[in-house]
């Protein structure tokens, strides 16, 4: 079923929209959740929650790329699930935490800007989208060993940058 047909089903408020979405995107969304959670039950729950979130979002939203729209929802739900499971005690968020968060974001942004386009995409695919080495290798049409080398060099550059900025505090 074409994405435009699925989106129209959502706009018609037809329950067939969820069925069509599940048939076309369940494996895709499951793989995204799995790459974050590594738990079948939690991943299945995130995928089911994705369908509900899509139902509640379309309309009024009309996603230009349905797969990206669903992928983003799934990823955010999986990360939320991961955080709920891993963080039992919520600590007070202090000004120092906010300053450190901003420093880290600034370091990462400058680091990513310093990488070559291909190395940047490899780094982001691995550590943001949590793609496997083999998926990245297929995407770029280069060997897994070259992907691993690129990731190693990028991590080393990032570590050097962090050490330089934070000095002996590490």
Foldseek 3Di string as FASTA:
>chain_A
DDPVVLLVCLVVVHPVSLVVCCVVCVVVLLVQLCLLAVDNVQSNVLLVVLSVVVSVPRPVDDDPDVNVVSNVSSNVSSVVVVCPVPDDDDDDCDPVNVVVVVVVVVLVVVLLVPDDPLLSVLQCCCPVSVDDLVVSCVVVVHDSVVSVVSNVVSVVVSVVSVCVVVPPPD
